[in-house]
C-alpha atoms as a PDB file:
ATOM      1  CA  MET A   1     -12.125 -29.383  -7.402  1.00  0.00           C
ATOM      2  CA  ALA A   2      -9.298 -27.805  -7.990  1.00  0.00           C
ATOM      3  CA  LYS A   3      -8.015 -25.544 -10.315  1.00  0.00           C
ATOM      4  CA  LEU A   4      -7.132 -26.747 -14.674  1.00  0.00           C
ATOM      5  CA  THR A   5      -3.653 -25.424 -15.166  1.00  0.00           C
ATOM      6  CA  ASN A   6      -3.064 -23.197 -18.402  1.00  0.00           C
ATOM      7  CA  HIS A   7      -2.636 -26.029 -20.380  1.00  0.00           C
ATOM      8  CA  GLN A   8      -5.447 -27.701 -19.473  1.00  0.00           C
ATOM      9  CA  GLN A   9      -7.998 -25.300 -19.984  1.00  0.00           C
ATOM     10  CA  THR A  10      -6.566 -24.884 -23.662  1.00  0.00           C
ATOM     11  CA  LEU A  11      -6.586 -28.685 -23.399  1.00  0.00           C
ATOM     12  CA  LEU A  12     -10.428 -29.528 -22.333  1.00  0.00           C
ATOM     13  CA  ALA A  13     -10.799 -26.322 -24.738  1.00  0.00           C
ATOM     14  CA  PHE A  14      -9.912 -27.764 -27.995  1.00  0.00           C
ATOM     15  CA  PHE A  15     -12.071 -30.719 -26.411  1.00  0.00           C
ATOM     16  CA  ALA A  16     -15.078 -28.886 -26.172  1.00  0.00           C
ATOM     17  CA  THR A  17     -14.189 -27.654 -29.834  1.00  0.00           C
ATOM     18  CA  GLY A  18     -15.867 -31.234 -31.302  1.00  0.00           C
ATOM     19  CA  ALA A  19     -12.546 -32.079 -31.405  1.00  0.00           C
ATOM     20  CA  THR A  20     -10.850 -36.116 -30.222  1.00  0.00           C
ATOM     21  CA  VAL A  21      -8.059 -37.614 -30.362  1.00  0.00           C
ATOM     22  CA  GLU A  22      -7.954 -40.940 -30.698  1.00  0.00           C
ATOM     23  CA  ILE A  23      -4.924 -43.367 -29.093  1.00  0.00           C
ATOM     24  CA  CYS A  24      -3.310 -46.442 -30.015  1.00  0.00           C
ATOM     25  CA  THR A  25      -3.825 -49.116 -27.265  1.00  0.00           C
ATOM     26  CA  SER A  26      -2.762 -52.436 -29.292  1.00  0.00           C
ATOM     27  CA  ILE A  27       0.190 -53.956 -27.803  1.00  0.00           C
ATOM     28  CA  GLY A  28       2.804 -53.717 -30.904  1.00  0.00           C
ATOM     29  CA  ARG A  29       4.642 -51.187 -32.158  1.00  0.00           C
ATOM     30  CA  CYS A  30       2.060 -48.223 -32.487  1.00  0.00           C
ATOM     31  CA  LEU A  31       0.787 -48.790 -28.612  1.00  0.00           C
ATOM     32  CA  GLY A  32       0.111 -45.070 -27.643  1.00  0.00           C
ATOM     33  CA  ARG A  33       0.515 -43.702 -30.975  1.00  0.00           C
ATOM     34  CA  CYS A  34      -1.732 -40.458 -30.515  1.00  0.00           C
ATOM     35  CA  ALA A  35      -3.944 -39.497 -33.869  1.00  0.00           C
ATOM     36  CA  PHE A  36      -5.239 -36.723 -34.254  1.00  0.00           C
ATOM     37  CA  PRO A  37      -8.855 -36.052 -36.814  1.00  0.00           C
ATOM     38  CA  SER A  38      -9.493 -32.793 -36.026  1.00  0.00           C
ATOM     39  CA  GLY A  39      -6.263 -31.307 -36.452  1.00  0.00           C
ATOM     40  CA  LYS A  40      -3.242 -31.742 -33.627  1.00  0.00           C
ATOM     41  CA  PRO A  41      -4.057 -29.403 -30.399  1.00  0.00           C
ATOM     42  CA  GLU A  42      -1.273 -26.694 -29.707  1.00  0.00           C
ATOM     43  CA  GLY A  43       1.164 -27.703 -27.176  1.00  0.00           C
ATOM     44  CA  PHE A  44       0.320 -31.020 -26.968  1.00  0.00           C
ATOM     45  CA  SER A  45       1.429 -33.307 -24.617  1.00  0.00           C
ATOM     46  CA  LYS A  46      -0.197 -36.322 -23.120  1.00  0.00           C
ATOM     47  CA  THR A  47       1.143 -36.274 -19.425  1.00  0.00           C
ATOM     48  CA  ILE A  48      -1.646 -33.119 -20.182  1.00  0.00           C
ATOM     49  CA  LEU A  49      -3.553 -35.073 -21.835  1.00  0.00           C
ATOM     50  CA  ASN A  50      -3.910 -37.850 -19.385  1.00  0.00           C
ATOM     51  CA  SER A  51      -4.466 -35.195 -15.995  1.00  0.00           C
ATOM     52  CA  LEU A  52      -7.891 -34.663 -17.729  1.00  0.00           C
ATOM     53  CA  LEU A  53      -8.662 -38.305 -18.228  1.00  0.00           C
ATOM     54  CA  THR A  54      -7.753 -38.725 -14.829  1.00  0.00           C
ATOM     55  CA  ARG A  55      -9.668 -35.671 -13.574  1.00  0.00           C
ATOM     56  CA  SER A  56     -12.514 -37.971 -15.063  1.00  0.00           C
ATOM     57  CA  LEU A  57     -13.167 -34.781 -18.266  1.00  0.00           C
ATOM     58  CA  LEU A  58     -12.854 -37.169 -20.746  1.00  0.00           C
ATOM     59  CA  LEU A  59     -15.148 -40.005 -22.729  1.00  0.00           C
ATOM     60  CA  GLU A  60     -13.717 -42.611 -23.639  1.00  0.00           C
ATOM     61  CA  ARG A  61     -15.250 -45.490 -26.244  1.00  0.00           C
ATOM     62  CA  GLU A  62     -12.753 -47.873 -28.163  1.00  0.00           C
ATOM     63  CA  HIS A  63     -13.176 -48.982 -31.858  1.00  0.00           C
ATOM     64  CA  THR A  64     -10.438 -50.732 -33.893  1.00  0.00           C
ATOM     65  CA  VAL A  65      -9.341 -49.910 -37.576  1.00  0.00           C
ATOM     66  CA  TYR A  66      -7.235 -53.058 -39.470  1.00  0.00           C
ATOM     67  CA  GLY A  67      -6.935 -55.348 -35.891  1.00  0.00           C
ATOM     68  CA  LEU A  68      -5.062 -52.637 -33.942  1.00  0.00           C
ATOM     69  CA  ARG A  69      -7.872 -51.403 -31.385  1.00  0.00           C
ATOM     70  CA  TRP A  70      -7.815 -46.949 -30.418  1.00  0.00           C
ATOM     71  CA  SER A  71      -9.278 -45.299 -27.981  1.00  0.00           C
ATOM     72  CA  VAL A  72     -11.317 -42.011 -28.919  1.00  0.00           C
ATOM     73  CA  LEU A  73     -11.748 -39.733 -26.274  1.00  0.00           C
ATOM     74  CA  ALA A  74     -13.676 -36.684 -26.509  1.00  0.00           C
ATOM     75  CA  ILE A  75     -15.150 -34.068 -23.697  1.00  0.00           C
ATOM     76  CA  ASN A  76     -17.244 -35.334 -21.757  1.00  0.00           C
ATOM     77  CA  GLU A  77     -20.637 -34.083 -19.669  1.00  0.00           C
ATOM     78  CA  ARG A  78     -18.701 -33.234 -16.684  1.00  0.00           C
ATOM     79  CA  GLY A  79     -16.192 -31.288 -19.003  1.00  0.00           C
ATOM     80  CA  THR A  80     -18.358 -28.568 -20.376  1.00  0.00           C
ATOM     81  CA  GLU A  81     -19.516 -27.672 -17.249  1.00  0.00           C
ATOM     82  CA  LEU A  82     -16.020 -26.977 -16.603  1.00  0.00           C
ATOM     83  CA  ILE A  83     -15.076 -25.376 -18.632  1.00  0.00           C
ATOM     84  CA  LYS A  84     -18.344 -23.265 -19.411  1.00  0.00           C
ATOM     85  CA  LEU A  85     -17.436 -22.367 -15.874  1.00  0.00           C
ATOM     86  CA  SER A  86     -14.281 -21.253 -16.554  1.00  0.00           C
ATOM     87  CA  GLU A  87     -15.344 -19.321 -19.796  1.00  0.00           C
ATOM     88  CA  VAL A  88     -17.579 -17.012 -17.020  1.00  0.00           C
ATOM     89  CA  ASP A  89     -14.488 -17.068 -14.694  1.00  0.00           C
ATOM     90  CA  HIS A  90     -12.371 -15.752 -17.318  1.00  0.00           C
ATOM     91  CA  GLU A  91     -15.807 -12.874 -18.315  1.00  0.00           C
ATOM     92  CA  THR A  92     -15.716 -11.731 -14.990  1.00  0.00           C
ATOM     93  CA  SER A  93     -12.094 -11.037 -14.060  1.00  0.00           C
END
């Protein structure tokens, strides 16, 4: 797997704390809106979030609130392993 950028590592570390990001996936005015139950991570970008999704480092589940569908994104096992490896690399450097 290609090395993650600093921004990707920062966002993945945010997810590693147990934090989640919710994105509205219902068609309408709310489409694409992000909610941050654990607080907004520094330097957040949907582009960086999408890059973690395409690398299969995040788990997605859906839930409905007031008739709106939201995707809840959290770190998955692969992402957790990768963040642990990057911590080991920083310790040995």
